[in-house]
Amino acid sequence: MRSLLLFSVGVFCGVVLGVCGVWVGCVVFFVVAETAAG
């Protein structure tokens, strides 16, 4: 039961980090595009 809980927490953290990574990537891309456009 404990291993299942740890697995669930690991998956949840992975999903959160994945979503945050995508969001940060979009923000960085937008900033770079704005800077390049002047």
PDB file of N, CA and C in Angstrom:
ATOM      1  N   MET A   1       0.842  -1.198   0.000  1.00  0.00           N
ATOM      2  CA  MET A   1       0.000   0.000   0.000  1.00  0.00           C
ATOM      3  C   MET A   1       0.878   1.249   0.000  1.00  0.00           C
ATOM      4  N   ARG A   2       1.948   1.203   0.771  1.00  0.00           N
ATOM      5  CA  ARG A   2       2.838   2.360   0.851  1.00  0.00           C
ATOM      6  C   ARG A   2       3.509   2.630  -0.493  1.00  0.00           C
ATOM      7  N   SER A   3       3.911   1.564  -1.183  1.00  0.00           N
ATOM      8  CA  SER A   3       4.561   1.739  -2.478  1.00  0.00           C
ATOM      9  C   SER A   3       3.599   2.358  -3.485  1.00  0.00           C
ATOM     10  N   LEU A   4       2.312   2.002  -3.387  1.00  0.00           N
ATOM     11  CA  LEU A   4       1.310   2.560  -4.295  1.00  0.00           C
ATOM     12  C   LEU A   4       1.168   4.063  -4.051  1.00  0.00           C
ATOM     13  N   LEU A   5       1.214   4.464  -2.780  1.00  0.00           N
ATOM     14  CA  LEU A   5       1.107   5.881  -2.430  1.00  0.00           C
ATOM     15  C   LEU A   5       2.306   6.648  -2.980  1.00  0.00           C
ATOM     16  N   LEU A   6       3.505   6.091  -2.790  1.00  0.00           N
ATOM     17  CA  LEU A   6       4.712   6.737  -3.300  1.00  0.00           C
ATOM     18  C   LEU A   6       4.662   6.835  -4.817  1.00  0.00           C
ATOM     19  N   PHE A   7       4.146   5.790  -5.474  1.00  0.00           N
ATOM     20  CA  PHE A   7       4.028   5.784  -6.933  1.00  0.00           C
ATOM     21  C   PHE A   7       3.090   6.896  -7.382  1.00  0.00           C
ATOM     22  N   SER A   8       1.963   7.040  -6.678  1.00  0.00           N
ATOM     23  CA  SER A   8       0.983   8.074  -7.024  1.00  0.00           C
ATOM     24  C   SER A   8       1.588   9.466  -6.854  1.00  0.00           C
ATOM     25  N   VAL A   9       2.328   9.666  -5.770  1.00  0.00           N
ATOM     26  CA  VAL A   9       2.971  10.958  -5.523  1.00  0.00           C
ATOM     27  C   VAL A   9       4.000  11.235  -6.610  1.00  0.00           C
ATOM     28  N   GLY A  10       4.750  10.217  -6.996  1.00  0.00           N
ATOM     29  CA  GLY A  10       5.759  10.373  -8.045  1.00  0.00           C
ATOM     30  C   GLY A  10       5.130  10.760  -9.371  1.00  0.00           C
ATOM     31  N   VAL A  11       4.026  10.097  -9.725  1.00  0.00           N
ATOM     32  CA  VAL A  11       3.331  10.401 -10.976  1.00  0.00           C
ATOM     33  C   VAL A  11       2.781  11.823 -10.931  1.00  0.00           C
ATOM     34  N   PHE A  12       2.179  12.189  -9.795  1.00  0.00           N
ATOM     35  CA  PHE A  12       1.619  13.535  -9.638  1.00  0.00           C
ATOM     36  C   PHE A  12       2.703  14.595  -9.801  1.00  0.00           C
ATOM     37  N   CYS A  13       3.849  14.386  -9.151  1.00  0.00           N
ATOM     38  CA  CYS A  13       4.954  15.343  -9.261  1.00  0.00           C
ATOM     39  C   CYS A  13       5.452  15.414 -10.697  1.00  0.00           C
ATOM     40  N   GLY A  14       5.521  14.269 -11.365  1.00  0.00           N
ATOM     41  CA  GLY A  14       5.959  14.242 -12.762  1.00  0.00           C
ATOM     42  C   GLY A  14       5.024  15.039 -13.648  1.00  0.00           C
ATOM     43  N   VAL A  15       3.722  14.888 -13.439  1.00  0.00           N
ATOM     44  CA  VAL A  15       2.732  15.618 -14.242  1.00  0.00           C
ATOM     45  C   VAL A  15       2.838  17.117 -13.982  1.00  0.00           C
ATOM     46  N   VAL A  16       2.956  17.485 -12.700  1.00  0.00           N
ATOM     47  CA  VAL A  16       3.056  18.904 -12.344  1.00  0.00           C
ATOM     48  C   VAL A  16       4.304  19.514 -12.969  1.00  0.00           C
ATOM     49  N   LEU A  17       5.445  18.812 -12.849  1.00  0.00           N
ATOM     50  CA  LEU A  17       6.687  19.325 -13.420  1.00  0.00           C
ATOM     51  C   LEU A  17       6.580  19.414 -14.935  1.00  0.00           C
ATOM     52  N   GLY A  18       5.900  18.438 -15.550  1.00  0.00           N
ATOM     53  CA  GLY A  18       5.727  18.456 -17.003  1.00  0.00           C
ATOM     54  C   GLY A  18       4.918  19.660 -17.440  1.00  0.00           C
ATOM     55  N   VAL A  19       3.808  19.910 -16.744  1.00  0.00           N
ATOM     56  CA  VAL A  19       2.950  21.050 -17.082  1.00  0.00           C
ATOM     57  C   VAL A  19       3.711  22.355 -16.863  1.00  0.00           C
ATOM     58  N   CYS A  20       4.429  22.452 -15.749  1.00  0.00           N
ATOM     59  CA  CYS A  20       5.194  23.663 -15.461  1.00  0.00           C
ATOM     60  C   CYS A  20       6.277  23.860 -16.515  1.00  0.00           C
ATOM     61  N   GLY A  21       6.908  22.763 -16.937  1.00  0.00           N
ATOM     62  CA  GLY A  21       7.950  22.850 -17.960  1.00  0.00           C
ATOM     63  C   GLY A  21       7.399  23.391 -19.266  1.00  0.00           C
ATOM     64  N   VAL A  22       6.225  22.907 -19.665  1.00  0.00           N
ATOM     65  CA  VAL A  22       5.597  23.378 -20.901  1.00  0.00           C
ATOM     66  C   VAL A  22       5.245  24.857 -20.777  1.00  0.00           C
ATOM     67  N   TRP A  23       4.679  25.231 -19.636  1.00  0.00           N
ATOM     68  CA  TRP A  23       4.271  26.625 -19.411  1.00  0.00           C
ATOM     69  C   TRP A  23       5.474  27.550 -19.448  1.00  0.00           C
ATOM     70  N   VAL A  24       6.552  27.167 -18.753  1.00  0.00           N
ATOM     71  CA  VAL A  24       7.777  27.976 -18.738  1.00  0.00           C
ATOM     72  C   VAL A  24       8.356  28.065 -20.148  1.00  0.00           C
ATOM     73  N   GLY A  25       8.320  26.949 -20.883  1.00  0.00           N
ATOM     74  CA  GLY A  25       8.830  26.951 -22.251  1.00  0.00           C
ATOM     75  C   GLY A  25       8.065  27.930 -23.123  1.00  0.00           C
ATOM     76  N   CYS A  26       6.748  27.974 -22.985  1.00  0.00           N
ATOM     77  CA  CYS A  26       5.911  28.894 -23.765  1.00  0.00           C
ATOM     78  C   CYS A  26       6.234  30.340 -23.412  1.00  0.00           C
ATOM     79  N   VAL A  27       6.412  30.621 -22.118  1.00  0.00           N
ATOM     80  CA  VAL A  27       6.732  31.982 -21.687  1.00  0.00           C
ATOM     81  C   VAL A  27       8.081  32.410 -22.253  1.00  0.00           C
ATOM     82  N   VAL A  28       9.081  31.530 -22.161  1.00  0.00           N
ATOM     83  CA  VAL A  28      10.417  31.848 -22.677  1.00  0.00           C
ATOM     84  C   VAL A  28      10.352  32.087 -24.182  1.00  0.00           C
ATOM     85  N   PHE A  29       9.617  31.233 -24.889  1.00  0.00           N
ATOM     86  CA  PHE A  29       9.477  31.383 -26.341  1.00  0.00           C
ATOM     87  C   PHE A  29       8.835  32.723 -26.678  1.00  0.00           C
ATOM     88  N   PHE A  30       7.799  33.085 -25.942  1.00  0.00           N
ATOM     89  CA  PHE A  30       7.095  34.349 -26.179  1.00  0.00           C
ATOM     90  C   PHE A  30       8.024  35.539 -25.952  1.00  0.00           C
ATOM     91  N   VAL A  31       8.800  35.497 -24.858  1.00  0.00           N
ATOM     92  CA  VAL A  31       9.728  36.589 -24.544  1.00  0.00           C
ATOM     93  C   VAL A  31      10.791  36.702 -25.633  1.00  0.00           C
ATOM     94  N   VAL A  32      11.338  35.566 -26.069  1.00  0.00           N
ATOM     95  CA  VAL A  32      12.366  35.577 -27.117  1.00  0.00           C
ATOM     96  C   VAL A  32      11.785  36.113 -28.417  1.00  0.00           C
ATOM     97  N   ALA A  33      10.567  35.696 -28.762  1.00  0.00           N
ATOM     98  CA  ALA A  33       9.923  36.158 -29.990  1.00  0.00           C
ATOM     99  C   ALA A  33       9.689  37.666 -29.931  1.00  0.00           C
ATOM    100  N   GLU A  34       9.239  38.163 -28.785  1.00  0.00           N
ATOM    101  CA  GLU A  34       9.000  39.599 -28.629  1.00  0.00           C
ATOM    102  C   GLU A  34      10.312  40.379 -28.748  1.00  0.00           C
ATOM    103  N   THR A  35      11.369  39.839 -28.151  1.00  0.00           N
ATOM    104  CA  THR A  35      12.671  40.503 -28.203  1.00  0.00           C
ATOM    105  C   THR A  35      13.203  40.520 -29.634  1.00  0.00           C
ATOM    106  N   ALA A  36      13.058  39.411 -30.337  1.00  0.00           N
ATOM    107  CA  ALA A  36      13.534  39.316 -31.718  1.00  0.00           C
ATOM    108  C   ALA A  36      12.745  40.262 -32.624  1.00  0.00           C
ATOM    109  N   ALA A  37      11.462  40.417 -32.339  1.00  0.00           N
ATOM    110  CA  ALA A  37      10.612  41.287 -33.150  1.00  0.00           C
ATOM    111  C   ALA A  37      10.918  42.761 -32.867  1.00  0.00           C
ATOM    112  N   GLY A  38      11.489  43.025 -31.686  1.00  0.00           N
ATOM    113  CA  GLY A  38      11.836  44.397 -31.347  1.00  0.00           C
ATOM    114  C   GLY A  38      10.661  45.102 -30.738  1.00  0.00           C
TER     115      GLY A  38
END
